[in-house]
Amino acid sequence: MDPRPPLSAPDYWYLGSPDPAIDLLFRRACALAWPFAVFCASRYHHDPQFAYELMDGAVENAERYYQRSNGQRSAIQLSYRIISVIKRISKQRANRNEIAL
């Protein structure tokens, strides 16, 4: 489990690009998606810290999506992508946990 305390939306950021404009774009997208990650982690997994894992997986996916689109995506579009991936990862993990019980 991640020992970091839960973060507020503006505190979760993306640091994967040397380009400051891309960093800012992803930080905005992450700030929009973070509350949903915390909701899913708390509600469905009963572990708010799981939001970090959800965001990490979703941001990786959004990076690939951004690259495939040749950088032609807005922060809103990236946040929708991140939220969609969070939802998918959360459902997959919840289903795996139900099967394991």
PDB file of N, CA and C in Angstrom:
ATOM      1  N   MET A   1       0.844  -1.171   0.000  1.00  0.00           N
ATOM      2  CA  MET A   1       0.000   0.000   0.000  1.00  0.00           C
ATOM      3  C   MET A   1       0.895   1.242   0.000  1.00  0.00           C
ATOM      4  N   ASP A   2       0.459   2.258  -0.662  1.00  0.00           N
ATOM      5  CA  ASP A   2       1.214   3.501  -0.784  1.00  0.00           C
ATOM      6  C   ASP A   2       1.130   4.282   0.522  1.00  0.00           C
ATOM      7  N   PRO A   3       2.293   4.654   1.114  1.00  0.00           N
ATOM      8  CA  PRO A   3       2.266   5.356   2.398  1.00  0.00           C
ATOM      9  C   PRO A   3       1.915   6.838   2.287  1.00  0.00           C
ATOM     10  N   ARG A   4       1.798   7.356   1.074  1.00  0.00           N
ATOM     11  CA  ARG A   4       1.509   8.786   0.916  1.00  0.00           C
ATOM     12  C   ARG A   4       0.078   9.086   1.355  1.00  0.00           C
ATOM     13  N   PRO A   5      -0.138  10.257   1.970  1.00  0.00           N
ATOM     14  CA  PRO A   5      -1.511  10.634   2.345  1.00  0.00           C
ATOM     15  C   PRO A   5      -2.321  10.972   1.102  1.00  0.00           C
ATOM     16  N   PRO A   6      -3.644  10.842   1.166  1.00  0.00           N
ATOM     17  CA  PRO A   6      -4.459  11.221   0.006  1.00  0.00           C
ATOM     18  C   PRO A   6      -4.210  12.675  -0.368  1.00  0.00           C
ATOM     19  N   LEU A   7      -4.161  12.935  -1.639  1.00  0.00           N
ATOM     20  CA  LEU A   7      -3.873  14.275  -2.127  1.00  0.00           C
ATOM     21  C   LEU A   7      -5.129  14.967  -2.603  1.00  0.00           C
ATOM     22  N   SER A   8      -5.099  16.274  -2.575  1.00  0.00           N
ATOM     23  CA  SER A   8      -6.178  17.033  -3.186  1.00  0.00           C
ATOM     24  C   SER A   8      -5.928  17.066  -4.691  1.00  0.00           C
ATOM     25  N   ALA A   9      -6.914  17.441  -5.454  1.00  0.00           N
ATOM     26  CA  ALA A   9      -6.828  17.399  -6.913  1.00  0.00           C
ATOM     27  C   ALA A   9      -5.627  18.140  -7.480  1.00  0.00           C
ATOM     28  N   PRO A  10      -5.309  19.362  -7.072  1.00  0.00           N
ATOM     29  CA  PRO A  10      -4.195  20.059  -7.712  1.00  0.00           C
ATOM     30  C   PRO A  10      -2.827  19.478  -7.358  1.00  0.00           C
ATOM     31  N   ASP A  11      -2.761  18.601  -6.369  1.00  0.00           N
ATOM     32  CA  ASP A  11      -1.466  18.090  -5.934  1.00  0.00           C
ATOM     33  C   ASP A  11      -1.003  16.853  -6.703  1.00  0.00           C
ATOM     34  N   TYR A  12      -1.878  16.225  -7.460  1.00  0.00           N
ATOM     35  CA  TYR A  12      -1.466  15.058  -8.246  1.00  0.00           C
ATOM     36  C   TYR A  12      -1.017  15.566  -9.601  1.00  0.00           C
ATOM     37  N   TRP A  13       0.217  15.336  -9.942  1.00  0.00           N
ATOM     38  CA  TRP A  13       0.720  15.890 -11.197  1.00  0.00           C
ATOM     39  C   TRP A  13       1.435  14.851 -12.031  1.00  0.00           C
ATOM     40  N   TYR A  14       1.651  15.235 -13.243  1.00  0.00           N
ATOM     41  CA  TYR A  14       2.329  14.419 -14.235  1.00  0.00           C
ATOM     42  C   TYR A  14       3.732  14.973 -14.410  1.00  0.00           C
ATOM     43  N   LEU A  15       4.733  14.134 -14.332  1.00  0.00           N
ATOM     44  CA  LEU A  15       6.114  14.598 -14.471  1.00  0.00           C
ATOM     45  C   LEU A  15       6.869  13.740 -15.499  1.00  0.00           C
ATOM     46  N   GLY A  16       6.242  13.387 -16.585  1.00  0.00           N
ATOM     47  CA  GLY A  16       6.860  12.475 -17.525  1.00  0.00           C
ATOM     48  C   GLY A  16       7.394  13.099 -18.789  1.00  0.00           C
ATOM     49  N   SER A  17       7.387  14.411 -18.916  1.00  0.00           N
ATOM     50  CA  SER A  17       7.820  15.044 -20.147  1.00  0.00           C
ATOM     51  C   SER A  17       8.768  16.200 -19.852  1.00  0.00           C
ATOM     52  N   PRO A  18       9.811  16.334 -20.673  1.00  0.00           N
ATOM     53  CA  PRO A  18      10.699  17.493 -20.501  1.00  0.00           C
ATOM     54  C   PRO A  18      10.061  18.783 -21.020  1.00  0.00           C
ATOM     55  N   ASP A  19       8.952  18.670 -21.750  1.00  0.00           N
ATOM     56  CA  ASP A  19       8.265  19.836 -22.296  1.00  0.00           C
ATOM     57  C   ASP A  19       7.299  20.401 -21.244  1.00  0.00           C
ATOM     58  N   PRO A  20       7.512  21.624 -20.782  1.00  0.00           N
ATOM     59  CA  PRO A  20       6.639  22.206 -19.749  1.00  0.00           C
ATOM     60  C   PRO A  20       5.174  22.317 -20.191  1.00  0.00           C
ATOM     61  N   ALA A  21       4.928  22.517 -21.472  1.00  0.00           N
ATOM     62  CA  ALA A  21       3.544  22.629 -21.949  1.00  0.00           C
ATOM     63  C   ALA A  21       2.805  21.302 -21.795  1.00  0.00           C
ATOM     64  N   ILE A  22       3.484  20.203 -22.077  1.00  0.00           N
ATOM     65  CA  ILE A  22       2.855  18.887 -21.923  1.00  0.00           C
ATOM     66  C   ILE A  22       2.654  18.586 -20.444  1.00  0.00           C
ATOM     67  N   ASP A  23       3.627  18.944 -19.613  1.00  0.00           N
ATOM     68  CA  ASP A  23       3.453  18.769 -18.173  1.00  0.00           C
ATOM     69  C   ASP A  23       2.215  19.515 -17.684  1.00  0.00           C
ATOM     70  N   LEU A  24       2.064  20.748 -18.081  1.00  0.00           N
ATOM     71  CA  LEU A  24       0.910  21.546 -17.670  1.00  0.00           C
ATOM     72  C   LEU A  24      -0.397  20.932 -18.167  1.00  0.00           C
ATOM     73  N   LEU A  25      -0.406  20.473 -19.409  1.00  0.00           N
ATOM     74  CA  LEU A  25      -1.593  19.839 -19.980  1.00  0.00           C
ATOM     75  C   LEU A  25      -1.998  18.613 -19.165  1.00  0.00           C
ATOM     76  N   PHE A  26      -1.034  17.760 -18.847  1.00  0.00           N
ATOM     77  CA  PHE A  26      -1.344  16.549 -18.085  1.00  0.00           C
ATOM     78  C   PHE A  26      -1.677  16.864 -16.633  1.00  0.00           C
ATOM     79  N   ARG A  27      -1.068  17.886 -16.072  1.00  0.00           N
ATOM     80  CA  ARG A  27      -1.429  18.272 -14.703  1.00  0.00           C
ATOM     81  C   ARG A  27      -2.882  18.710 -14.633  1.00  0.00           C
ATOM     82  N   ARG A  28      -3.315  19.462 -15.630  1.00  0.00           N
ATOM     83  CA  ARG A  28      -4.729  19.881 -15.671  1.00  0.00           C
ATOM     84  C   ARG A  28      -5.643  18.675 -15.811  1.00  0.00           C
ATOM     85  N   ALA A  29      -5.285  17.764 -16.715  1.00  0.00           N
ATOM     86  CA  ALA A  29      -6.103  16.560 -16.923  1.00  0.00           C
ATOM     87  C   ALA A  29      -6.156  15.729 -15.641  1.00  0.00           C
ATOM     88  N   CYS A  30      -5.023  15.582 -14.973  1.00  0.00           N
ATOM     89  CA  CYS A  30      -4.981  14.803 -13.735  1.00  0.00           C
ATOM     90  C   CYS A  30      -5.805  15.469 -12.635  1.00  0.00           C
ATOM     91  N   ALA A  31      -5.749  16.785 -12.556  1.00  0.00           N
ATOM     92  CA  ALA A  31      -6.534  17.494 -11.545  1.00  0.00           C
ATOM     93  C   ALA A  31      -8.025  17.282 -11.764  1.00  0.00           C
ATOM     94  N   LEU A  32      -8.437  17.187 -13.015  1.00  0.00           N
ATOM     95  CA  LEU A  32      -9.851  16.937 -13.310  1.00  0.00           C
ATOM     96  C   LEU A  32     -10.251  15.495 -12.992  1.00  0.00           C
ATOM     97  N   ALA A  33      -9.349  14.558 -13.194  1.00  0.00           N
ATOM     98  CA  ALA A  33      -9.671  13.137 -13.029  1.00  0.00           C
ATOM     99  C   ALA A  33      -9.449  12.632 -11.600  1.00  0.00           C
ATOM    100  N   TRP A  34      -8.607  13.317 -10.832  1.00  0.00           N
ATOM    101  CA  TRP A  34      -8.249  12.840  -9.495  1.00  0.00           C
ATOM    102  C   TRP A  34      -9.443  12.574  -8.585  1.00  0.00           C
ATOM    103  N   PRO A  35     -10.442  13.447  -8.495  1.00  0.00           N
ATOM    104  CA  PRO A  35     -11.580  13.154  -7.604  1.00  0.00           C
ATOM    105  C   PRO A  35     -12.287  11.844  -7.961  1.00  0.00           C
ATOM    106  N   PHE A  36     -12.362  11.524  -9.235  1.00  0.00           N
ATOM    107  CA  PHE A  36     -12.996  10.263  -9.645  1.00  0.00           C
ATOM    108  C   PHE A  36     -12.142   9.075  -9.213  1.00  0.00           C
ATOM    109  N   ALA A  37     -10.830   9.199  -9.300  1.00  0.00           N
ATOM    110  CA  ALA A  37      -9.937   8.123  -8.863  1.00  0.00           C
ATOM    111  C   ALA A  37     -10.101   7.876  -7.366  1.00  0.00           C
ATOM    112  N   VAL A  38     -10.177   8.943  -6.592  1.00  0.00           N
ATOM    113  CA  VAL A  38     -10.363   8.810  -5.141  1.00  0.00           C
ATOM    114  C   VAL A  38     -11.734   8.190  -4.847  1.00  0.00           C
ATOM    115  N   PHE A  39     -12.761   8.605  -5.580  1.00  0.00           N
ATOM    116  CA  PHE A  39     -14.100   8.036  -5.397  1.00  0.00           C
ATOM    117  C   PHE A  39     -14.081   6.531  -5.652  1.00  0.00           C
ATOM    118  N   CYS A  40     -13.527   6.114  -6.795  1.00  0.00           N
ATOM    119  CA  CYS A  40     -13.492   4.685  -7.135  1.00  0.00           C
ATOM    120  C   CYS A  40     -12.694   3.897  -6.104  1.00  0.00           C
ATOM    121  N   ALA A  41     -11.552   4.421  -5.712  1.00  0.00           N
ATOM    122  CA  ALA A  41     -10.708   3.719  -4.747  1.00  0.00           C
ATOM    123  C   ALA A  41     -11.412   3.576  -3.404  1.00  0.00           C
ATOM    124  N   SER A  42     -12.096   4.618  -2.972  1.00  0.00           N
ATOM    125  CA  SER A  42     -12.783   4.589  -1.678  1.00  0.00           C
ATOM    126  C   SER A  42     -14.047   3.744  -1.721  1.00  0.00           C
ATOM    127  N   ARG A  43     -14.831   3.956  -2.739  1.00  0.00           N
ATOM    128  CA  ARG A  43     -16.152   3.319  -2.815  1.00  0.00           C
ATOM    129  C   ARG A  43     -16.082   1.840  -3.168  1.00  0.00           C
ATOM    130  N   TYR A  44     -15.300   1.504  -4.169  1.00  0.00           N
ATOM    131  CA  TYR A  44     -15.300   0.132  -4.678  1.00  0.00           C
ATOM    132  C   TYR A  44     -14.179  -0.729  -4.122  1.00  0.00           C
ATOM    133  N   HIS A  45     -13.097  -0.108  -3.682  1.00  0.00           N
ATOM    134  CA  HIS A  45     -11.960  -0.891  -3.200  1.00  0.00           C
ATOM    135  C   HIS A  45     -11.702  -0.675  -1.713  1.00  0.00           C
ATOM    136  N   HIS A  46     -12.443   0.251  -1.104  1.00  0.00           N
ATOM    137  CA  HIS A  46     -12.343   0.532   0.334  1.00  0.00           C
ATOM    138  C   HIS A  46     -10.909   0.869   0.749  1.00  0.00           C
ATOM    139  N   ASP A  47     -10.183   1.509  -0.164  1.00  0.00           N
ATOM    140  CA  ASP A  47      -8.796   1.893   0.092  1.00  0.00           C
ATOM    141  C   ASP A  47      -8.480   3.162  -0.694  1.00  0.00           C
ATOM    142  N   PRO A  48      -8.572   4.335  -0.069  1.00  0.00           N
ATOM    143  CA  PRO A  48      -8.310   5.583  -0.793  1.00  0.00           C
ATOM    144  C   PRO A  48      -6.917   5.639  -1.415  1.00  0.00           C
ATOM    145  N   GLN A  49      -5.960   4.931  -0.827  1.00  0.00           N
ATOM    146  CA  GLN A  49      -4.606   4.925  -1.367  1.00  0.00           C
ATOM    147  C   GLN A  49      -4.525   4.242  -2.736  1.00  0.00           C
ATOM    148  N   PHE A  50      -5.484   3.401  -3.052  1.00  0.00           N
ATOM    149  CA  PHE A  50      -5.514   2.718  -4.345  1.00  0.00           C
ATOM    150  C   PHE A  50      -5.698   3.715  -5.493  1.00  0.00           C
ATOM    151  N   ALA A  51      -6.138   4.920  -5.168  1.00  0.00           N
ATOM    152  CA  ALA A  51      -6.306   5.963  -6.197  1.00  0.00           C
ATOM    153  C   ALA A  51      -4.987   6.253  -6.904  1.00  0.00           C
ATOM    154  N   TYR A  52      -3.881   6.133  -6.189  1.00  0.00           N
ATOM    155  CA  TYR A  52      -2.576   6.360  -6.820  1.00  0.00           C
ATOM    156  C   TYR A  52      -2.322   5.344  -7.933  1.00  0.00           C
ATOM    157  N   GLU A  53      -2.628   4.076  -7.662  1.00  0.00           N
ATOM    158  CA  GLU A  53      -2.426   3.033  -8.669  1.00  0.00           C
ATOM    159  C   GLU A  53      -3.358   3.243  -9.861  1.00  0.00           C
ATOM    160  N   LEU A  54      -4.598   3.619  -9.569  1.00  0.00           N
ATOM    161  CA  LEU A  54      -5.533   3.892 -10.648  1.00  0.00           C
ATOM    162  C   LEU A  54      -5.023   5.021 -11.541  1.00  0.00           C
ATOM    163  N   MET A  55      -4.563   6.091 -10.913  1.00  0.00           N
ATOM    164  CA  MET A  55      -4.059   7.231 -11.687  1.00  0.00           C
ATOM    165  C   MET A  55      -2.806   6.870 -12.473  1.00  0.00           C
ATOM    166  N   ASP A  56      -1.912   6.120 -11.875  1.00  0.00           N
ATOM    167  CA  ASP A  56      -0.680   5.753 -12.575  1.00  0.00           C
ATOM    168  C   ASP A  56      -0.987   4.974 -13.847  1.00  0.00           C
ATOM    169  N   GLY A  57      -1.855   3.980 -13.742  1.00  0.00           N
ATOM    170  CA  GLY A  57      -2.221   3.193 -14.921  1.00  0.00           C
ATOM    171  C   GLY A  57      -2.952   4.019 -15.956  1.00  0.00           C
ATOM    172  N   ALA A  58      -3.845   4.873 -15.502  1.00  0.00           N
ATOM    173  CA  ALA A  58      -4.635   5.686 -16.428  1.00  0.00           C
ATOM    174  C   ALA A  58      -3.784   6.750 -17.118  1.00  0.00           C
ATOM    175  N   VAL A  59      -2.849   7.335 -16.397  1.00  0.00           N
ATOM    176  CA  VAL A  59      -1.995   8.361 -17.000  1.00  0.00           C
ATOM    177  C   VAL A  59      -1.065   7.726 -18.036  1.00  0.00           C
ATOM    178  N   GLU A  60      -0.558   6.535 -17.763  1.00  0.00           N
ATOM    179  CA  GLU A  60       0.261   5.828 -18.762  1.00  0.00           C
ATOM    180  C   GLU A  60      -0.526   5.624 -20.046  1.00  0.00           C
ATOM    181  N   ASN A  61      -1.765   5.193 -19.904  1.00  0.00           N
ATOM    182  CA  ASN A  61      -2.620   4.983 -21.061  1.00  0.00           C
ATOM    183  C   ASN A  61      -2.868   6.296 -21.797  1.00  0.00           C
ATOM    184  N   ALA A  62      -3.106   7.360 -21.059  1.00  0.00           N
ATOM    185  CA  ALA A  62      -3.361   8.670 -21.670  1.00  0.00           C
ATOM    186  C   ALA A  62      -2.125   9.199 -22.399  1.00  0.00           C
ATOM    187  N   GLU A  63      -0.929   8.875 -21.895  1.00  0.00           N
ATOM    188  CA  GLU A  63       0.294   9.281 -22.587  1.00  0.00           C
ATOM    189  C   GLU A  63       0.355   8.648 -23.983  1.00  0.00           C
ATOM    190  N   ARG A  64       0.071   7.352 -24.026  1.00  0.00           N
ATOM    191  CA  ARG A  64       0.076   6.659 -25.334  1.00  0.00           C
ATOM    192  C   ARG A  64      -0.997   7.232 -26.249  1.00  0.00           C
ATOM    193  N   TYR A  65      -2.167   7.524 -25.711  1.00  0.00           N
ATOM    194  CA  TYR A  65      -3.265   8.127 -26.468  1.00  0.00           C
ATOM    195  C   TYR A  65      -2.849   9.479 -27.029  1.00  0.00           C
ATOM    196  N   TYR A  66      -2.169  10.278 -26.222  1.00  0.00           N
ATOM    197  CA  TYR A  66      -1.708  11.599 -26.632  1.00  0.00           C
ATOM    198  C   TYR A  66      -0.669  11.482 -27.756  1.00  0.00           C
ATOM    199  N   GLN A  67       0.232  10.528 -27.630  1.00  0.00           N
ATOM    200  CA  GLN A  67       1.252  10.324 -28.659  1.00  0.00           C
ATOM    201  C   GLN A  67       0.632   9.856 -29.975  1.00  0.00           C
ATOM    202  N   ARG A  68      -0.336   8.952 -29.906  1.00  0.00           N
ATOM    203  CA  ARG A  68      -1.000   8.470 -31.123  1.00  0.00           C
ATOM    204  C   ARG A  68      -1.737   9.584 -31.851  1.00  0.00           C
ATOM    205  N   SER A  69      -2.197  10.570 -31.086  1.00  0.00           N
ATOM    206  CA  SER A  69      -2.950  11.667 -31.695  1.00  0.00           C
ATOM    207  C   SER A  69      -2.041  12.819 -32.117  1.00  0.00           C
ATOM    208  N   ASN A  70      -0.731  12.594 -32.076  1.00  0.00           N
ATOM    209  CA  ASN A  70       0.252  13.617 -32.462  1.00  0.00           C
ATOM    210  C   ASN A  70       0.104  14.899 -31.650  1.00  0.00           C
ATOM    211  N   GLY A  71      -0.252  14.765 -30.399  1.00  0.00           N
ATOM    212  CA  GLY A  71      -0.355  15.926 -29.518  1.00  0.00           C
ATOM    213  C   GLY A  71      -1.556  16.808 -29.772  1.00  0.00           C
ATOM    214  N   GLN A  72      -2.558  16.283 -30.422  1.00  0.00           N
ATOM    215  CA  GLN A  72      -3.741  17.075 -30.756  1.00  0.00           C
ATOM    216  C   GLN A  72      -4.900  16.814 -29.792  1.00  0.00           C
ATOM    217  N   ARG A  73      -4.635  16.817 -28.507  1.00  0.00           N
ATOM    218  CA  ARG A  73      -5.680  16.592 -27.505  1.00  0.00           C
ATOM    219  C   ARG A  73      -5.634  17.698 -26.460  1.00  0.00           C
ATOM    220  N   SER A  74      -6.804  18.037 -25.955  1.00  0.00           N
ATOM    221  CA  SER A  74      -6.913  19.062 -24.907  1.00  0.00           C
ATOM    222  C   SER A  74      -6.888  18.380 -23.529  1.00  0.00           C
ATOM    223  N   ALA A  75      -6.791  19.187 -22.496  1.00  0.00           N
ATOM    224  CA  ALA A  75      -6.808  18.664 -21.127  1.00  0.00           C
ATOM    225  C   ALA A  75      -8.133  17.970 -20.832  1.00  0.00           C
ATOM    226  N   ILE A  76      -9.219  18.498 -21.360  1.00  0.00           N
ATOM    227  CA  ILE A  76     -10.537  17.875 -21.150  1.00  0.00           C
ATOM    228  C   ILE A  76     -10.577  16.494 -21.799  1.00  0.00           C
ATOM    229  N   GLN A  77     -10.090  16.391 -23.020  1.00  0.00           N
ATOM    230  CA  GLN A  77     -10.080  15.104 -23.701  1.00  0.00           C
ATOM    231  C   GLN A  77      -9.197  14.099 -22.968  1.00  0.00           C
ATOM    232  N   LEU A  78      -8.054  14.559 -22.495  1.00  0.00           N
ATOM    233  CA  LEU A  78      -7.172  13.671 -21.741  1.00  0.00           C
ATOM    234  C   LEU A  78      -7.811  13.260 -20.417  1.00  0.00           C
ATOM    235  N   SER A  79      -8.508  14.177 -19.770  1.00  0.00           N
ATOM    236  CA  SER A  79      -9.151  13.821 -18.498  1.00  0.00           C
ATOM    237  C   SER A  79     -10.263  12.800 -18.733  1.00  0.00           C
ATOM    238  N   TYR A  80     -11.012  12.928 -19.823  1.00  0.00           N
ATOM    239  CA  TYR A  80     -12.029  11.919 -20.144  1.00  0.00           C
ATOM    240  C   TYR A  80     -11.382  10.564 -20.380  1.00  0.00           C
ATOM    241  N   ARG A  81     -10.249  10.559 -21.036  1.00  0.00           N
ATOM    242  CA  ARG A  81      -9.533   9.312 -21.284  1.00  0.00           C
ATOM    243  C   ARG A  81      -9.065   8.712 -19.954  1.00  0.00           C
ATOM    244  N   ILE A  82      -8.500   9.538 -19.100  1.00  0.00           N
ATOM    245  CA  ILE A  82      -8.016   9.056 -17.806  1.00  0.00           C
ATOM    246  C   ILE A  82      -9.171   8.492 -16.979  1.00  0.00           C
ATOM    247  N   ILE A  83     -10.293   9.191 -16.954  1.00  0.00           N
ATOM    248  CA  ILE A  83     -11.462   8.726 -16.200  1.00  0.00           C
ATOM    249  C   ILE A  83     -11.974   7.398 -16.760  1.00  0.00           C
ATOM    250  N   SER A  84     -12.000   7.285 -18.072  1.00  0.00           N
ATOM    251  CA  SER A  84     -12.446   6.044 -18.703  1.00  0.00           C
ATOM    252  C   SER A  84     -11.551   4.870 -18.310  1.00  0.00           C
ATOM    253  N   VAL A  85     -10.267   5.093 -18.314  1.00  0.00           N
ATOM    254  CA  VAL A  85      -9.327   4.029 -17.954  1.00  0.00           C
ATOM    255  C   VAL A  85      -9.422   3.708 -16.462  1.00  0.00           C
ATOM    256  N   ILE A  86      -9.601   4.727 -15.626  1.00  0.00           N
ATOM    257  CA  ILE A  86      -9.786   4.487 -14.191  1.00  0.00           C
ATOM    258  C   ILE A  86     -10.996   3.584 -13.977  1.00  0.00           C
ATOM    259  N   LYS A  87     -12.070   3.882 -14.671  1.00  0.00           N
ATOM    260  CA  LYS A  87     -13.292   3.088 -14.546  1.00  0.00           C
ATOM    261  C   LYS A  87     -13.039   1.637 -14.955  1.00  0.00           C
ATOM    262  N   ARG A  88     -12.323   1.448 -16.063  1.00  0.00           N
ATOM    263  CA  ARG A  88     -12.043   0.099 -16.558  1.00  0.00           C
ATOM    264  C   ARG A  88     -11.137  -0.666 -15.587  1.00  0.00           C
ATOM    265  N   ILE A  89     -10.059  -0.037 -15.149  1.00  0.00           N
ATOM    266  CA  ILE A  89      -9.135  -0.691 -14.217  1.00  0.00           C
ATOM    267  C   ILE A  89      -9.843  -1.029 -12.910  1.00  0.00           C
ATOM    268  N   SER A  90     -10.658  -0.110 -12.431  1.00  0.00           N
ATOM    269  CA  SER A  90     -11.376  -0.312 -11.177  1.00  0.00           C
ATOM    270  C   SER A  90     -12.339  -1.500 -11.281  1.00  0.00           C
ATOM    271  N   LYS A  91     -13.069  -1.574 -12.382  1.00  0.00           N
ATOM    272  CA  LYS A  91     -14.002  -2.693 -12.569  1.00  0.00           C
ATOM    273  C   LYS A  91     -13.258  -4.020 -12.687  1.00  0.00           C
ATOM    274  N   GLN A  92     -12.154  -4.020 -13.431  1.00  0.00           N
ATOM    275  CA  GLN A  92     -11.383  -5.257 -13.578  1.00  0.00           C
ATOM    276  C   GLN A  92     -10.862  -5.731 -12.235  1.00  0.00           C
ATOM    277  N   ARG A  93     -10.322  -4.812 -11.450  1.00  0.00           N
ATOM    278  CA  ARG A  93      -9.781  -5.181 -10.142  1.00  0.00           C
ATOM    279  C   ARG A  93     -10.887  -5.655  -9.213  1.00  0.00           C
ATOM    280  N   ALA A  94     -12.030  -4.984  -9.235  1.00  0.00           N
ATOM    281  CA  ALA A  94     -13.152  -5.375  -8.373  1.00  0.00           C
ATOM    282  C   ALA A  94     -13.652  -6.770  -8.760  1.00  0.00           C
ATOM    283  N   ASN A  95     -13.732  -7.040 -10.051  1.00  0.00           N
ATOM    284  CA  ASN A  95     -14.183  -8.351 -10.505  1.00  0.00           C
ATOM    285  C   ASN A  95     -13.198  -9.450 -10.085  1.00  0.00           C
ATOM    286  N   ARG A  96     -11.906  -9.158 -10.177  1.00  0.00           N
ATOM    287  CA  ARG A  96     -10.891 -10.125  -9.756  1.00  0.00           C
ATOM    288  C   ARG A  96     -11.012 -10.410  -8.271  1.00  0.00           C
ATOM    289  N   ASN A  97     -11.283  -9.379  -7.471  1.00  0.00           N
ATOM    290  CA  ASN A  97     -11.417  -9.563  -6.031  1.00  0.00           C
ATOM    291  C   ASN A  97     -12.670 -10.358  -5.690  1.00  0.00           C
ATOM    292  N   GLU A  98     -13.746 -10.179  -6.426  1.00  0.00           N
ATOM    293  CA  GLU A  98     -14.972 -10.944  -6.184  1.00  0.00           C
ATOM    294  C   GLU A  98     -14.748 -12.416  -6.506  1.00  0.00           C
ATOM    295  N   ILE A  99     -14.029 -12.694  -7.578  1.00  0.00           N
ATOM    296  CA  ILE A  99     -13.764 -14.077  -7.970  1.00  0.00           C
ATOM    297  C   ILE A  99     -12.874 -14.744  -6.937  1.00  0.00           C
ATOM    298  N   ALA A 100     -11.924 -14.014  -6.385  1.00  0.00           N
ATOM    299  CA  ALA A 100     -11.004 -14.565  -5.402  1.00  0.00           C
ATOM    300  C   ALA A 100     -11.694 -14.900  -4.085  1.00  0.00           C
ATOM    301  N   LEU A 101     -12.783 -14.214  -3.772  1.00  0.00           N
ATOM    302  CA  LEU A 101     -13.490 -14.499  -2.524  1.00  0.00           C
ATOM    303  C   LEU A 101     -14.171 -15.816  -2.650  1.00  0.00           C
TER     304      LEU A 101
END
